[in-house]
Amino acid sequence: MKKSRLAALLRQVRLDASLTQSQLAEKIGQTQSYISKYEHGEQRLDLIELEAVCKAIDISLSDFVERYLES
């Protein structure tokens, strides 16, 4: 399956925050496989989940969306 721009950006902002998938998953109360599925485009984030990820990574939702639109 081809990785989506959203999935690629999610991975990039996680790496920019120096977090592993496991660390991010722990911050949002999920499992590592939960994060992996999103980063590989196997599952899509809804807005509530995306907001939780942004908070855990310490990036605003609007900044995330702006980066998405620029990519």
C-alpha atoms as a PDB file:
ATOM      1  CA  MET A   1       0.000   0.000   0.000  1.00  0.00           C
ATOM      2  CA  LYS A   2       1.316   3.437  -0.908  1.00  0.00           C
ATOM      3  CA  LYS A   3       1.981   5.659   2.081  1.00  0.00           C
ATOM      4  CA  SER A   4      -0.182   8.760   2.138  1.00  0.00           C
ATOM      5  CA  ARG A   5       1.114  12.286   2.629  1.00  0.00           C
ATOM      6  CA  LEU A   6      -0.684  12.404   5.968  1.00  0.00           C
ATOM      7  CA  ALA A   7       0.974   9.184   7.139  1.00  0.00           C
ATOM      8  CA  ALA A   8       4.392  10.429   6.020  1.00  0.00           C
ATOM      9  CA  LEU A   9       3.888  13.745   7.814  1.00  0.00           C
ATOM     10  CA  LEU A  10       2.778  12.006  10.988  1.00  0.00           C
ATOM     11  CA  ARG A  11       5.989   9.983  10.956  1.00  0.00           C
ATOM     12  CA  GLN A  12       8.080  13.071  10.234  1.00  0.00           C
ATOM     13  CA  VAL A  13       6.658  15.169  13.074  1.00  0.00           C
ATOM     14  CA  ARG A  14       7.103  12.217  15.446  1.00  0.00           C
ATOM     15  CA  LEU A  15      10.745  11.917  14.416  1.00  0.00           C
ATOM     16  CA  ASP A  16      11.198  15.699  14.682  1.00  0.00           C
ATOM     17  CA  ALA A  17       9.992  15.396  18.282  1.00  0.00           C
ATOM     18  CA  SER A  18      12.597  12.638  18.852  1.00  0.00           C
ATOM     19  CA  LEU A  19       9.936  10.107  19.826  1.00  0.00           C
ATOM     20  CA  THR A  20       9.744   6.436  18.981  1.00  0.00           C
ATOM     21  CA  GLN A  21       6.422   4.938  17.974  1.00  0.00           C
ATOM     22  CA  SER A  22       6.254   3.323  21.421  1.00  0.00           C
ATOM     23  CA  GLN A  23       6.898   6.610  23.222  1.00  0.00           C
ATOM     24  CA  LEU A  24       4.220   8.416  21.235  1.00  0.00           C
ATOM     25  CA  ALA A  25       1.777   5.564  21.762  1.00  0.00           C
ATOM     26  CA  GLU A  26       2.375   5.687  25.511  1.00  0.00           C
ATOM     27  CA  LYS A  27       1.747   9.448  25.580  1.00  0.00           C
ATOM     28  CA  ILE A  28      -1.670   8.999  23.984  1.00  0.00           C
ATOM     29  CA  GLY A  29      -2.591   5.781  25.796  1.00  0.00           C
ATOM     30  CA  GLN A  30      -2.304   3.464  22.796  1.00  0.00           C
ATOM     31  CA  THR A  31      -0.029   0.697  21.560  1.00  0.00           C
ATOM     32  CA  GLN A  32       2.961   0.910  19.249  1.00  0.00           C
ATOM     33  CA  SER A  33       1.045  -1.024  16.589  1.00  0.00           C
ATOM     34  CA  TYR A  34      -1.671   1.671  16.708  1.00  0.00           C
ATOM     35  CA  ILE A  35       0.900   4.302  15.668  1.00  0.00           C
ATOM     36  CA  SER A  36       2.517   1.982  13.141  1.00  0.00           C
ATOM     37  CA  LYS A  37      -0.782   1.403  11.324  1.00  0.00           C
ATOM     38  CA  TYR A  38      -1.262   5.147  10.872  1.00  0.00           C
ATOM     39  CA  GLU A  39       2.310   5.756   9.769  1.00  0.00           C
ATOM     40  CA  HIS A  40       2.062   2.999   7.167  1.00  0.00           C
ATOM     41  CA  GLY A  41      -1.260   4.230   5.816  1.00  0.00           C
ATOM     42  CA  GLU A  42      -3.098   1.091   6.941  1.00  0.00           C
ATOM     43  CA  GLN A  43      -5.541   3.091   9.024  1.00  0.00           C
ATOM     44  CA  ARG A  44      -6.651   6.714   9.033  1.00  0.00           C
ATOM     45  CA  LEU A  45      -6.685   9.109  11.946  1.00  0.00           C
ATOM     46  CA  ASP A  46      -9.878  10.908  12.789  1.00  0.00           C
ATOM     47  CA  LEU A  47      -9.728  14.521  13.962  1.00  0.00           C
ATOM     48  CA  ILE A  48      -9.906  13.645  17.674  1.00  0.00           C
ATOM     49  CA  GLU A  49      -7.023  11.178  17.332  1.00  0.00           C
ATOM     50  CA  LEU A  50      -4.978  13.642  15.302  1.00  0.00           C
ATOM     51  CA  GLU A  51      -5.502  16.307  17.942  1.00  0.00           C
ATOM     52  CA  ALA A  52      -4.272  13.908  20.662  1.00  0.00           C
ATOM     53  CA  VAL A  53      -1.185  13.059  18.601  1.00  0.00           C
ATOM     54  CA  CYS A  54      -0.448  16.746  18.005  1.00  0.00           C
ATOM     55  CA  LYS A  55      -0.710  17.501  21.722  1.00  0.00           C
ATOM     56  CA  ALA A  56       1.614  14.607  22.553  1.00  0.00           C
ATOM     57  CA  ILE A  57       4.151  15.794  19.968  1.00  0.00           C
ATOM     58  CA  ASP A  58       3.736  19.416  21.094  1.00  0.00           C
ATOM     59  CA  ILE A  59       2.647  20.787  17.747  1.00  0.00           C
ATOM     60  CA  SER A  60      -0.578  22.663  17.231  1.00  0.00           C
ATOM     61  CA  LEU A  61      -3.215  21.089  15.051  1.00  0.00           C
ATOM     62  CA  SER A  62      -3.172  24.193  12.838  1.00  0.00           C
ATOM     63  CA  ASP A  63       0.623  23.921  12.390  1.00  0.00           C
ATOM     64  CA  PHE A  64       0.237  20.258  11.478  1.00  0.00           C
ATOM     65  CA  VAL A  65      -2.423  21.066   8.897  1.00  0.00           C
ATOM     66  CA  GLU A  66      -0.290  23.898   7.503  1.00  0.00           C
ATOM     67  CA  ARG A  67       2.670  21.524   7.091  1.00  0.00           C
ATOM     68  CA  TYR A  68       0.356  19.025   5.399  1.00  0.00           C
ATOM     69  CA  LEU A  69      -0.881  21.623   2.919  1.00  0.00           C
ATOM     70  CA  GLU A  70       2.678  22.703   2.147  1.00  0.00           C
ATOM     71  CA  SER A  71       3.835  19.150   1.409  1.00  0.00           C
END
